[in-house]
Amino acid sequence: MSFGSLVRARRQELEIGLNDFAERLEVSPAYWSRIERDREKPPRDHLIERAAAILGLRLDELFVQAERLPPDMRRDIGTVVQVYRRMRAVKN
């Protein structure tokens, strides 16, 4: 599932209208509609963080769907890579 379709499905599940959601995010409904329809790349980090809070989704889940690391992991990218490599070695 893409970032946009995940956000749209959860927003609709919570019965939050597109206009209301966009207003809470302080973006235009047209822009957010394009994101939900995958016509735009996932938004900037602060919007992903706000969307996760509004929708009650795990922040990491939304960043994974956006195909990027959460900001805290980017700051510690060396550690993230080492842990990932160790975990991969254990599985193989």
N, C-alpha and C. Protein backbone atom coordinates (compact mmCIF):
# COMPACT_ATOMS: atom_id res chain seq x y z
N MET A 1 0.85 -1.18 0.00
CA MET A 1 0.00 0.00 0.00
C MET A 1 0.89 1.24 0.00
N SER A 2 0.55 2.21 -0.79
CA SER A 2 1.34 3.43 -0.89
C SER A 2 1.04 4.36 0.30
N PHE A 3 1.89 5.36 0.46
CA PHE A 3 1.69 6.36 1.50
C PHE A 3 0.32 7.00 1.36
N GLY A 4 0.02 7.48 0.17
CA GLY A 4 -1.24 8.18 -0.06
C GLY A 4 -2.46 7.33 0.20
N SER A 5 -2.44 6.09 -0.28
CA SER A 5 -3.61 5.23 -0.08
C SER A 5 -3.76 4.82 1.38
N LEU A 6 -2.66 4.65 2.10
CA LEU A 6 -2.74 4.35 3.53
C LEU A 6 -3.37 5.50 4.29
N VAL A 7 -2.90 6.71 4.02
CA VAL A 7 -3.44 7.89 4.70
C VAL A 7 -4.92 8.07 4.37
N ARG A 8 -5.26 7.95 3.09
CA ARG A 8 -6.66 8.13 2.69
C ARG A 8 -7.56 7.09 3.36
N ALA A 9 -7.13 5.83 3.36
CA ALA A 9 -7.95 4.77 3.97
C ALA A 9 -8.17 5.03 5.46
N ARG A 10 -7.12 5.43 6.16
CA ARG A 10 -7.26 5.70 7.59
C ARG A 10 -8.12 6.94 7.84
N ARG A 11 -7.92 7.97 7.02
CA ARG A 11 -8.71 9.20 7.17
C ARG A 11 -10.18 8.90 6.98
N GLN A 12 -10.51 8.12 5.96
CA GLN A 12 -11.90 7.76 5.70
C GLN A 12 -12.45 6.86 6.79
N GLU A 13 -11.63 5.96 7.29
CA GLU A 13 -12.05 5.08 8.38
C GLU A 13 -12.45 5.91 9.61
N LEU A 14 -11.71 6.99 9.86
CA LEU A 14 -12.01 7.87 10.99
C LEU A 14 -13.08 8.91 10.66
N GLU A 15 -13.57 8.86 9.42
CA GLU A 15 -14.60 9.79 8.94
C GLU A 15 -14.17 11.25 9.05
N ILE A 16 -12.92 11.49 8.67
CA ILE A 16 -12.39 12.86 8.61
C ILE A 16 -12.43 13.28 7.15
N GLY A 17 -13.12 14.37 6.87
CA GLY A 17 -13.20 14.85 5.50
C GLY A 17 -11.87 15.39 5.01
N LEU A 18 -11.68 15.36 3.70
CA LEU A 18 -10.44 15.84 3.10
C LEU A 18 -10.18 17.29 3.47
N ASN A 19 -11.20 18.14 3.36
CA ASN A 19 -11.02 19.56 3.67
C ASN A 19 -10.62 19.77 5.13
N ASP A 20 -11.27 19.06 6.03
CA ASP A 20 -10.95 19.17 7.46
C ASP A 20 -9.52 18.70 7.71
N PHE A 21 -9.16 17.57 7.12
CA PHE A 21 -7.82 17.03 7.32
C PHE A 21 -6.76 18.00 6.80
N ALA A 22 -6.97 18.51 5.60
CA ALA A 22 -6.02 19.46 5.01
C ALA A 22 -5.91 20.72 5.88
N GLU A 23 -7.03 21.17 6.41
CA GLU A 23 -7.01 22.35 7.28
C GLU A 23 -6.17 22.08 8.53
N ARG A 24 -6.34 20.90 9.11
CA ARG A 24 -5.56 20.54 10.30
C ARG A 24 -4.07 20.49 10.00
N LEU A 25 -3.74 20.08 8.77
CA LEU A 25 -2.34 20.00 8.36
C LEU A 25 -1.80 21.36 7.88
N GLU A 26 -2.71 22.30 7.69
CA GLU A 26 -2.37 23.64 7.17
C GLU A 26 -1.80 23.57 5.76
N VAL A 27 -2.48 22.75 4.93
CA VAL A 27 -2.15 22.65 3.50
C VAL A 27 -3.45 22.77 2.72
N SER A 28 -3.33 22.95 1.43
CA SER A 28 -4.55 23.05 0.61
C SER A 28 -5.15 21.66 0.40
N PRO A 29 -6.47 21.58 0.33
CA PRO A 29 -7.11 20.29 0.04
C PRO A 29 -6.66 19.72 -1.31
N ALA A 30 -6.44 20.59 -2.28
CA ALA A 30 -6.00 20.11 -3.60
C ALA A 30 -4.64 19.42 -3.51
N TYR A 31 -3.72 20.01 -2.77
CA TYR A 31 -2.39 19.42 -2.58
C TYR A 31 -2.52 18.07 -1.88
N TRP A 32 -3.29 18.03 -0.79
CA TRP A 32 -3.39 16.77 -0.05
C TRP A 32 -4.12 15.70 -0.87
N SER A 33 -5.07 16.09 -1.67
CA SER A 33 -5.76 15.15 -2.54
C SER A 33 -4.77 14.52 -3.51
N ARG A 34 -3.86 15.32 -4.06
CA ARG A 34 -2.85 14.78 -4.97
C ARG A 34 -1.94 13.79 -4.26
N ILE A 35 -1.61 14.06 -2.99
CA ILE A 35 -0.79 13.12 -2.22
C ILE A 35 -1.54 11.81 -2.03
N GLU A 36 -2.79 11.89 -1.62
CA GLU A 36 -3.57 10.68 -1.39
C GLU A 36 -3.79 9.87 -2.66
N ARG A 37 -3.77 10.53 -3.79
CA ARG A 37 -3.95 9.82 -5.07
C ARG A 37 -2.61 9.46 -5.71
N ASP A 38 -1.52 9.65 -4.96
CA ASP A 38 -0.16 9.34 -5.40
C ASP A 38 0.26 10.12 -6.64
N ARG A 39 -0.26 11.32 -6.76
CA ARG A 39 0.14 12.21 -7.85
C ARG A 39 1.25 13.15 -7.41
N GLU A 40 1.53 13.14 -6.11
CA GLU A 40 2.63 13.90 -5.50
C GLU A 40 3.44 12.93 -4.66
N LYS A 41 4.70 13.23 -4.48
CA LYS A 41 5.52 12.45 -3.56
C LYS A 41 5.02 12.69 -2.14
N PRO A 42 5.33 11.77 -1.22
CA PRO A 42 4.95 12.03 0.18
C PRO A 42 5.49 13.38 0.64
N PRO A 43 4.77 14.03 1.54
CA PRO A 43 5.13 15.39 1.95
C PRO A 43 6.36 15.44 2.85
N ARG A 44 6.69 16.64 3.25
CA ARG A 44 7.81 16.87 4.16
C ARG A 44 7.57 16.20 5.50
N ASP A 45 8.67 15.99 6.20
CA ASP A 45 8.62 15.26 7.47
C ASP A 45 7.59 15.82 8.45
N HIS A 46 7.53 17.12 8.60
CA HIS A 46 6.61 17.69 9.61
C HIS A 46 5.15 17.38 9.28
N LEU A 47 4.82 17.27 8.00
CA LEU A 47 3.45 16.91 7.63
C LEU A 47 3.18 15.42 7.87
N ILE A 48 4.19 14.60 7.66
CA ILE A 48 4.03 13.18 7.97
C ILE A 48 3.81 13.02 9.47
N GLU A 49 4.57 13.76 10.26
CA GLU A 49 4.42 13.69 11.72
C GLU A 49 3.03 14.15 12.16
N ARG A 50 2.55 15.24 11.58
CA ARG A 50 1.20 15.73 11.93
C ARG A 50 0.13 14.73 11.50
N ALA A 51 0.27 14.19 10.29
CA ALA A 51 -0.71 13.23 9.78
C ALA A 51 -0.77 12.01 10.69
N ALA A 52 0.38 11.52 11.11
CA ALA A 52 0.42 10.35 12.00
C ALA A 52 -0.32 10.65 13.31
N ALA A 53 -0.09 11.83 13.86
CA ALA A 53 -0.75 12.20 15.12
C ALA A 53 -2.26 12.30 14.94
N ILE A 54 -2.71 12.94 13.88
CA ILE A 54 -4.14 13.10 13.64
C ILE A 54 -4.82 11.75 13.41
N LEU A 55 -4.14 10.89 12.67
CA LEU A 55 -4.74 9.61 12.28
C LEU A 55 -4.49 8.49 13.29
N GLY A 56 -3.68 8.76 14.29
CA GLY A 56 -3.38 7.73 15.27
C GLY A 56 -2.58 6.58 14.70
N LEU A 57 -1.70 6.90 13.75
CA LEU A 57 -0.84 5.88 13.14
C LEU A 57 0.56 5.99 13.73
N ARG A 58 1.27 4.86 13.70
CA ARG A 58 2.65 4.89 14.17
C ARG A 58 3.49 5.71 13.19
N LEU A 59 4.29 6.59 13.75
CA LEU A 59 5.13 7.47 12.93
C LEU A 59 6.05 6.66 12.02
N ASP A 60 6.67 5.63 12.57
CA ASP A 60 7.58 4.81 11.76
C ASP A 60 6.86 4.19 10.56
N GLU A 61 5.62 3.76 10.78
CA GLU A 61 4.84 3.15 9.70
C GLU A 61 4.65 4.13 8.54
N LEU A 62 4.33 5.38 8.87
CA LEU A 62 4.13 6.37 7.80
C LEU A 62 5.43 6.69 7.08
N PHE A 63 6.54 6.78 7.83
CA PHE A 63 7.82 7.05 7.16
C PHE A 63 8.22 5.89 6.26
N VAL A 64 7.96 4.66 6.69
CA VAL A 64 8.25 3.51 5.84
C VAL A 64 7.43 3.60 4.56
N GLN A 65 6.14 3.94 4.69
CA GLN A 65 5.29 4.07 3.50
C GLN A 65 5.76 5.22 2.61
N ALA A 66 6.36 6.23 3.21
CA ALA A 66 6.91 7.36 2.43
C ALA A 66 8.27 7.02 1.83
N GLU A 67 8.76 5.81 2.15
CA GLU A 67 10.05 5.31 1.66
C GLU A 67 11.21 6.20 2.09
N ARG A 68 11.16 6.57 3.38
CA ARG A 68 12.30 7.30 3.95
C ARG A 68 12.41 6.98 5.43
N LEU A 69 13.61 7.21 5.94
CA LEU A 69 13.84 6.98 7.36
C LEU A 69 13.28 8.13 8.18
N PRO A 70 12.78 7.82 9.38
CA PRO A 70 12.35 8.90 10.27
C PRO A 70 13.55 9.79 10.60
N PRO A 71 13.30 11.07 10.93
CA PRO A 71 14.39 12.01 11.19
C PRO A 71 15.39 11.54 12.25
N ASP A 72 14.92 10.93 13.33
CA ASP A 72 15.85 10.50 14.37
C ASP A 72 16.80 9.41 13.85
N MET A 73 16.32 8.56 12.97
CA MET A 73 17.18 7.51 12.42
C MET A 73 18.17 8.08 11.41
N ARG A 74 17.77 9.11 10.70
CA ARG A 74 18.70 9.73 9.74
C ARG A 74 19.87 10.37 10.46
N ARG A 75 19.61 10.90 11.66
CA ARG A 75 20.70 11.52 12.44
C ARG A 75 21.72 10.46 12.86
N ASP A 76 21.25 9.23 13.08
CA ASP A 76 22.12 8.14 13.53
C ASP A 76 22.26 7.07 12.46
N ILE A 77 22.43 7.49 11.23
CA ILE A 77 22.41 6.55 10.10
C ILE A 77 23.48 5.47 10.23
N GLY A 78 24.64 5.80 10.78
CA GLY A 78 25.69 4.80 10.95
C GLY A 78 25.23 3.65 11.84
N THR A 79 24.60 3.99 12.95
CA THR A 79 24.09 2.97 13.87
C THR A 79 22.97 2.17 13.22
N VAL A 80 22.09 2.84 12.51
CA VAL A 80 20.99 2.16 11.84
C VAL A 80 21.52 1.12 10.86
N VAL A 81 22.51 1.47 10.07
CA VAL A 81 23.08 0.55 9.09
C VAL A 81 23.73 -0.64 9.80
N GLN A 82 24.48 -0.38 10.87
CA GLN A 82 25.13 -1.47 11.60
C GLN A 82 24.11 -2.44 12.17
N VAL A 83 23.06 -1.94 12.79
CA VAL A 83 22.02 -2.80 13.37
C VAL A 83 21.33 -3.60 12.27
N TYR A 84 21.02 -2.95 11.17
CA TYR A 84 20.38 -3.64 10.05
C TYR A 84 21.27 -4.77 9.53
N ARG A 85 22.54 -4.50 9.34
CA ARG A 85 23.46 -5.51 8.83
C ARG A 85 23.57 -6.70 9.79
N ARG A 86 23.64 -6.41 11.09
CA ARG A 86 23.70 -7.49 12.08
C ARG A 86 22.45 -8.34 12.03
N MET A 87 21.30 -7.71 11.95
CA MET A 87 20.04 -8.45 11.90
C MET A 87 19.96 -9.31 10.65
N ARG A 88 20.41 -8.79 9.54
CA ARG A 88 20.41 -9.56 8.28
C ARG A 88 21.33 -10.76 8.38
N ALA A 89 22.49 -10.58 9.01
CA ALA A 89 23.45 -11.68 9.15
C ALA A 89 22.87 -12.79 10.02
N VAL A 90 22.14 -12.44 11.06
CA VAL A 90 21.54 -13.43 11.95
C VAL A 90 20.47 -14.23 11.21
N LYS A 91 19.69 -13.57 10.36
CA LYS A 91 18.63 -14.25 9.61
C LYS A 91 19.19 -15.23 8.58
N ASN A 92 20.34 -14.91 8.05
CA ASN A 92 20.93 -15.77 7.00
C ASN A 92 21.79 -16.77 7.65
